[in-house]
Structure formats: structure tokens, C-alpha cells
N, C-alpha and C. Protein backbone atom coordinates (compact mmCIF):
# COMPACT_ATOMS: atom_id res chain seq x y z
N MET A 1 22.05 42.68 44.77
CA MET A 1 23.11 41.89 44.32
C MET A 1 22.69 40.22 44.81
N PRO A 2 22.69 38.94 43.96
CA PRO A 2 22.45 37.97 44.37
C PRO A 2 23.15 37.41 45.60
N ASP A 3 22.74 36.66 46.28
CA ASP A 3 23.49 35.97 47.32
C ASP A 3 24.51 35.09 47.03
N PRO A 4 25.51 34.84 47.51
CA PRO A 4 26.95 34.09 46.80
C PRO A 4 26.31 32.64 47.13
N ASP A 5 25.43 32.51 48.41
CA ASP A 5 25.62 31.19 48.58
C ASP A 5 24.32 30.28 48.09
N ASP A 6 23.35 31.49 47.09
CA ASP A 6 22.28 30.60 46.09
C ASP A 6 22.94 30.23 44.97
N ALA A 7 24.19 31.08 44.78
CA ALA A 7 24.97 30.61 43.21
C ALA A 7 25.78 29.46 43.38
N LEU A 8 26.28 29.23 44.94
CA LEU A 8 27.33 28.14 44.75
C LEU A 8 26.27 27.08 44.98
N ARG A 9 25.10 26.88 45.83
CA ARG A 9 23.95 26.09 45.63
C ARG A 9 23.86 25.33 44.42
N ALA A 10 23.40 26.51 43.59
CA ALA A 10 23.24 26.57 42.13
C ALA A 10 24.04 25.78 41.21
N LEU A 11 25.40 26.04 41.37
CA LEU A 11 26.33 25.45 40.57
C LEU A 11 27.01 24.51 40.99
N ALA A 12 26.36 24.02 42.06
CA ALA A 12 27.10 22.52 42.96
C ALA A 12 26.60 21.42 41.88
N GLU A 13 25.45 21.61 40.94
CA GLU A 13 25.03 20.25 40.18
C GLU A 13 26.08 20.75 39.22
N PRO A 14 26.18 19.79 38.41
CA PRO A 14 27.27 19.71 37.05
C PRO A 14 26.19 20.32 35.92
N ARG A 15 24.92 19.41 35.95
CA ARG A 15 24.22 20.12 34.87
C ARG A 15 24.03 21.25 34.76
N ARG A 16 23.50 21.93 35.81
CA ARG A 16 23.47 23.56 35.80
C ARG A 16 24.75 24.34 35.36
N ARG A 17 25.90 23.89 35.75
CA ARG A 17 26.84 24.72 35.45
C ARG A 17 27.15 24.62 33.62
N GLU A 18 26.88 23.16 32.96
CA GLU A 18 26.64 23.23 31.61
C GLU A 18 25.40 24.05 31.14
N ILE A 19 24.34 24.43 31.85
CA ILE A 19 23.19 24.79 31.34
C ILE A 19 24.18 26.51 31.01
N LEU A 20 24.64 26.88 32.18
CA LEU A 20 24.74 28.37 32.30
C LEU A 20 26.23 28.40 31.26
N ARG A 21 26.69 27.34 30.96
CA ARG A 21 27.82 27.75 29.75
C ARG A 21 27.06 27.62 28.64
N LEU A 22 26.01 27.20 28.63
CA LEU A 22 25.13 27.23 26.98
C LEU A 22 24.69 28.34 26.79
N VAL A 23 23.80 28.88 28.04
CA VAL A 23 23.25 30.26 27.77
C VAL A 23 23.75 31.73 27.84
N ALA A 24 25.26 31.06 28.25
CA ALA A 24 26.14 32.46 28.33
C ALA A 24 26.74 32.59 26.89
N GLN A 25 26.62 31.59 25.86
CA GLN A 25 27.08 32.11 24.69
C GLN A 25 25.60 32.71 23.90
N ASP A 26 24.67 32.66 24.07
CA ASP A 26 23.32 32.62 23.27
C ASP A 26 22.13 32.48 23.80
N GLU A 27 20.69 33.41 23.89
CA GLU A 27 20.09 33.10 24.55
C GLU A 27 19.19 31.94 23.71
N LEU A 28 18.58 30.84 24.63
CA LEU A 28 18.15 29.67 24.14
C LEU A 28 17.01 29.31 24.65
N SER A 29 16.18 28.93 24.14
CA SER A 29 14.99 28.14 24.47
C SER A 29 15.00 26.92 25.23
N ALA A 30 14.07 26.71 26.32
CA ALA A 30 14.31 25.70 26.91
C ALA A 30 14.16 24.47 26.43
N GLY A 31 13.64 24.25 25.08
CA GLY A 31 13.84 22.96 24.15
C GLY A 31 15.23 23.19 23.79
N GLU A 32 15.59 23.79 22.93
CA GLU A 32 17.05 23.86 22.57
C GLU A 32 18.01 23.67 24.09
N ILE A 33 18.03 23.98 25.13
CA ILE A 33 18.71 23.51 26.12
C ILE A 33 18.46 22.04 26.11
N ALA A 34 17.46 21.63 26.45
CA ALA A 34 16.90 20.16 26.72
C ALA A 34 17.46 19.52 25.80
N ALA A 35 17.56 19.75 24.67
CA ALA A 35 18.35 18.86 23.44
C ALA A 35 19.86 18.76 23.85
N ALA A 36 20.24 19.27 24.23
CA ALA A 36 21.84 19.15 24.60
C ALA A 36 21.98 18.14 25.67
N PHE A 37 20.96 17.81 26.05
CA PHE A 37 21.25 16.81 27.31
C PHE A 37 20.32 15.34 27.25
N ASP A 38 20.79 14.47 27.99
CA ASP A 38 20.20 13.03 27.75
C ASP A 38 18.94 12.87 29.38
N VAL A 39 18.32 13.89 29.48
CA VAL A 39 17.26 14.36 30.87
C VAL A 39 16.12 14.64 30.18
N THR A 40 15.11 14.53 30.80
CA THR A 40 13.42 15.18 30.69
C THR A 40 13.87 16.53 30.25
N ARG A 41 12.85 17.11 29.57
CA ARG A 41 12.88 18.48 29.55
C ARG A 41 11.89 19.09 30.92
N THR A 42 11.52 18.25 31.67
CA THR A 42 10.81 18.66 33.06
C THR A 42 12.42 18.83 34.01
N ALA A 43 13.02 18.03 33.90
CA ALA A 43 14.11 17.91 34.68
C ALA A 43 15.19 19.44 34.31
N ILE A 44 15.17 19.57 32.95
CA ILE A 44 15.90 20.76 32.55
C ILE A 44 15.14 21.93 33.16
N SER A 45 13.85 21.87 33.03
CA SER A 45 13.03 22.99 33.43
C SER A 45 13.48 23.42 35.08
N GLN A 46 13.37 22.16 35.53
CA GLN A 46 13.60 22.36 37.25
C GLN A 46 15.11 22.69 37.32
N HIS A 47 15.98 22.43 36.83
CA HIS A 47 17.28 23.24 36.71
C HIS A 47 17.34 24.70 36.25
N LEU A 48 16.64 25.17 35.27
CA LEU A 48 16.86 26.24 34.98
C LEU A 48 15.87 27.31 36.05
N THR A 49 14.99 26.94 36.76
CA THR A 49 14.31 27.38 37.92
C THR A 49 15.04 27.68 39.17
N VAL A 50 16.08 26.75 39.29
CA VAL A 50 17.16 26.70 40.12
C VAL A 50 17.98 28.16 39.71
N LEU A 51 18.49 27.95 38.72
CA LEU A 51 19.40 29.21 38.10
C LEU A 51 19.00 30.37 37.78
N ARG A 52 17.64 30.09 37.77
CA ARG A 52 17.01 31.81 37.76
C ARG A 52 16.65 32.38 39.18
N ASN A 53 16.27 31.44 39.81
CA ASN A 53 15.84 31.87 41.36
C ASN A 53 17.25 32.42 42.19
N ALA A 54 18.29 31.76 41.59
CA ALA A 54 19.75 32.24 42.02
C ALA A 54 20.49 33.47 41.77
N GLY A 55 19.27 33.89 40.67
CA GLY A 55 20.10 35.20 39.80
C GLY A 55 20.86 34.96 38.58
N LEU A 56 21.03 33.67 38.59
CA LEU A 56 22.11 33.70 37.44
C LEU A 56 21.93 33.34 35.76
N VAL A 57 20.31 33.08 36.02
CA VAL A 57 19.86 33.56 34.30
C VAL A 57 18.60 34.27 34.50
N SER A 58 18.44 34.98 33.42
CA SER A 58 17.20 35.71 33.06
C SER A 58 16.34 34.80 32.13
N GLU A 59 14.70 34.95 32.33
CA GLU A 59 13.93 34.37 31.24
C GLU A 59 13.51 35.39 30.91
N ARG A 60 12.82 35.03 29.53
CA ARG A 60 12.25 36.10 28.75
C ARG A 60 11.01 35.38 27.82
N ARG A 61 10.15 35.56 27.83
CA ARG A 61 8.69 35.02 26.97
C ARG A 61 8.83 35.57 25.62
N LEU A 62 8.76 34.71 24.64
CA LEU A 62 8.34 35.20 23.13
C LEU A 62 7.56 34.28 22.90
N ALA A 63 6.25 34.73 22.77
CA ALA A 63 4.97 33.99 22.42
C ALA A 63 5.27 32.74 23.13
N THR A 64 4.94 31.70 23.00
CA THR A 64 4.51 30.42 23.65
C THR A 64 6.18 29.95 24.21
N ARG A 65 7.26 30.51 23.79
CA ARG A 65 8.76 30.00 24.38
C ARG A 65 9.08 31.10 25.21
N ARG A 66 10.04 30.18 26.11
CA ARG A 66 10.78 30.80 27.19
C ARG A 66 12.07 30.72 26.97
N LEU A 67 12.68 32.00 27.03
CA LEU A 67 14.05 32.17 26.14
C LEU A 67 15.06 32.38 27.43
N TYR A 68 16.21 31.86 27.28
CA TYR A 68 17.01 32.17 28.76
C TYR A 68 18.39 32.47 28.51
N ARG A 69 19.02 33.35 29.23
CA ARG A 69 20.36 33.74 28.99
C ARG A 69 20.97 34.10 30.41
N ALA A 70 22.48 33.79 30.35
CA ALA A 70 22.97 34.20 31.72
C ALA A 70 23.17 35.67 31.84
N ARG A 71 22.88 35.81 33.14
CA ARG A 71 23.02 37.09 33.82
C ARG A 71 24.50 37.17 34.66
N PRO A 72 25.59 37.65 33.74
CA PRO A 72 26.77 38.00 34.28
C PRO A 72 26.48 38.81 35.73
N GLU A 73 25.72 39.47 36.00
CA GLU A 73 25.67 40.17 37.34
C GLU A 73 25.40 39.27 38.30
N GLY A 74 24.91 38.15 37.85
CA GLY A 74 24.21 37.23 38.79
C GLY A 74 25.35 36.69 39.29
N LEU A 75 26.35 36.74 38.78
CA LEU A 75 27.78 35.74 39.41
C LEU A 75 28.62 36.71 40.50
N ALA A 76 28.22 38.37 40.04
CA ALA A 76 29.16 39.06 40.85
C ALA A 76 29.16 38.75 42.27
N GLY A 77 28.24 38.67 42.93
CA GLY A 77 28.03 38.43 44.32
C GLY A 77 29.05 36.85 44.58
N LEU A 78 29.34 36.18 43.75
CA LEU A 78 30.13 34.86 43.97
C LEU A 78 31.63 35.41 43.67
N ARG A 79 31.54 36.23 42.39
CA ARG A 79 32.87 36.81 42.37
C ARG A 79 33.75 37.62 43.41
N GLU A 80 32.85 38.20 43.88
CA GLU A 80 33.70 39.27 45.04
C GLU A 80 33.78 38.23 46.09
N PHE A 81 32.83 37.42 46.61
CA PHE A 81 33.05 36.31 47.48
C PHE A 81 34.77 35.57 47.51
N LEU A 82 34.65 35.13 46.27
CA LEU A 82 35.94 34.27 45.82
C LEU A 82 37.29 35.52 45.95
N ASP A 83 36.99 36.64 45.34
CA ASP A 83 37.82 37.80 45.26
C ASP A 83 38.53 37.60 46.58
N ASP A 84 37.80 37.60 47.75
CA ASP A 84 37.83 38.17 49.08
C ASP A 84 38.58 36.61 49.50
N MET A 85 38.01 35.88 49.55
CA MET A 85 38.62 34.63 49.73
C MET A 85 40.00 34.61 49.48
N TRP A 86 39.97 34.56 48.07
CA TRP A 86 41.45 34.63 47.34
C TRP A 86 42.58 35.40 47.89
N ALA A 87 42.09 37.22 48.05
CA ALA A 87 42.91 37.77 49.08
C ALA A 87 43.69 37.52 50.29
N SER A 88 42.36 37.18 51.21
CA SER A 88 42.59 36.64 52.43
C SER A 88 43.99 35.54 52.34
N SER A 89 43.72 34.58 51.48
CA SER A 89 44.67 33.35 51.72
C SER A 89 45.83 33.86 51.16
N LEU A 90 45.87 34.74 49.92
CA LEU A 90 47.17 35.29 49.74
C LEU A 90 47.97 36.13 50.87
N ASP A 91 47.24 36.65 51.59
CA ASP A 91 47.70 37.33 52.79
C ASP A 91 48.12 36.44 53.87
N VAL A 92 47.65 35.49 54.20
CA VAL A 92 48.13 34.40 55.34
C VAL A 92 49.37 34.23 54.43
N ALA A 93 49.18 33.40 53.14
CA ALA A 93 50.25 32.90 52.78
C ALA A 93 51.74 33.75 52.83
N ARG A 94 51.56 34.86 52.50
CA ARG A 94 52.50 36.19 52.69
C ARG A 94 52.93 35.81 54.08
N ARG A 95 52.18 36.21 55.06
CA ARG A 95 52.63 36.17 56.42
C ARG A 95 53.25 34.99 56.88
N LEU A 96 53.10 33.80 56.31
CA LEU A 96 53.50 32.68 56.85
C LEU A 96 54.83 32.43 56.23
N ALA A 97 55.25 32.68 54.75
CA ALA A 97 56.45 32.99 54.31
C ALA A 97 57.44 33.93 54.50
N GLU A 98 56.76 35.06 55.14
CA GLU A 98 57.57 36.16 56.02
C GLU A 98 58.12 35.47 57.39
N ALA A 99 57.13 34.89 57.87
CA ALA A 99 57.71 34.26 59.00
C ALA A 99 58.74 33.31 59.12
N GLU A 100 58.58 32.46 57.99
CA GLU A 100 59.60 31.29 57.95
C GLU A 100 60.86 32.29 57.60
N ARG A 101 60.89 33.10 57.02
CA ARG A 101 62.14 34.08 56.64
C ARG A 101 62.56 34.85 58.02
N GLY A 102 61.74 34.95 58.63
CA GLY A 102 62.24 36.07 59.77
C GLY A 102 61.98 37.21 59.67
N LEU A 103 60.94 37.51 59.10
CA LEU A 103 60.72 38.86 58.84
C LEU A 103 59.49 39.30 59.28
N SER A 104 59.38 40.53 59.48
CA SER A 104 58.13 41.10 60.41
C SER A 104 57.16 41.56 59.26
N GLY A 105 55.81 41.81 59.93
CA GLY A 105 54.78 41.90 58.68
C GLY A 105 54.99 43.37 57.92
N ASN A 106 56.20 44.05 58.63
CA ASN A 106 56.39 45.40 57.49
C ASN A 106 57.50 45.11 56.54
N GLY A 107 58.18 43.79 56.96
CA GLY A 107 59.52 43.26 55.66
C GLY A 107 60.79 43.88 56.73
N GLU A 108 60.70 43.77 57.80
CA GLU A 108 61.73 43.98 58.60
C GLU A 108 62.02 42.97 59.14
N PRO A 109 63.45 42.54 59.66
CA PRO A 109 63.83 41.46 60.29
C PRO A 109 63.34 41.76 61.86
N THR A 110 62.97 40.30 62.37
CA THR A 110 62.50 40.06 63.34
C THR A 110 63.41 40.07 64.43
N ALA A 111 63.20 40.31 65.66
CA ALA A 111 64.15 40.14 66.44
C ALA A 111 64.93 39.00 66.52
N ALA A 112 64.17 37.91 66.24
CA ALA A 112 64.67 36.50 66.36
C ALA A 112 65.47 36.23 64.73
N GLY A 113 65.28 37.33 64.04
CA GLY A 113 65.99 37.00 62.47
C GLY A 113 67.00 37.74 62.74
């Protein structure tokens, strides 16, 4: 499974997020991707390399063309990290709310409540 830190670093750049959105819909060539941006093809190539190294896109060669497609499994580690963080945050929020209402962790009133 790809490292969530690599995915976070790759997705920190707005153009890379937009590239990922483009190739999530369809397999596109590097030239087609570059046409959607006002930057050089070299810059897009560098962004694609970062996304590929992070496991977020796959590259397929067809003759002289390179075709790119999003790898949903590339986001699996990041999704798991965010799900765990969200669940933990919800648990903390629940405990804080219960403490404010004077409930113990099992829903029973505390000695002070």
C-alpha cells in the first residue's frame, strides 16, 4: 500500500490535484494533460512523475505515447489514515460532550453528575 505521507506531499500542490481529477475520469496522454494547463509540458511531466512515484497514477506506454490513469488503490493508504484520524476525532468529541453533560464513558452519570 502506498505511503500516505507520499500521497499527502504529492497532493499538496494544486496542479497535481487537478491532474489527478483529469485522469480519474479517463486515461489521458501527457500532451492531453498538458493542454489543460498554462505551464510547460516539462512541468506537467514532473508533476506526473511525483504522482506516479506516490502511487496515485499509473503510466502505460502505447507506441511513443505515455498514457496516465488515476489509481484508486493509490489513495487507499491516505483514505485509511484520514478515516482513522476522523474516527479518533469523533471519539474525542464524544468524550468531551459526555464530560460536559456529566456522563462517564459508558453513558452512566458520574459521581459529580
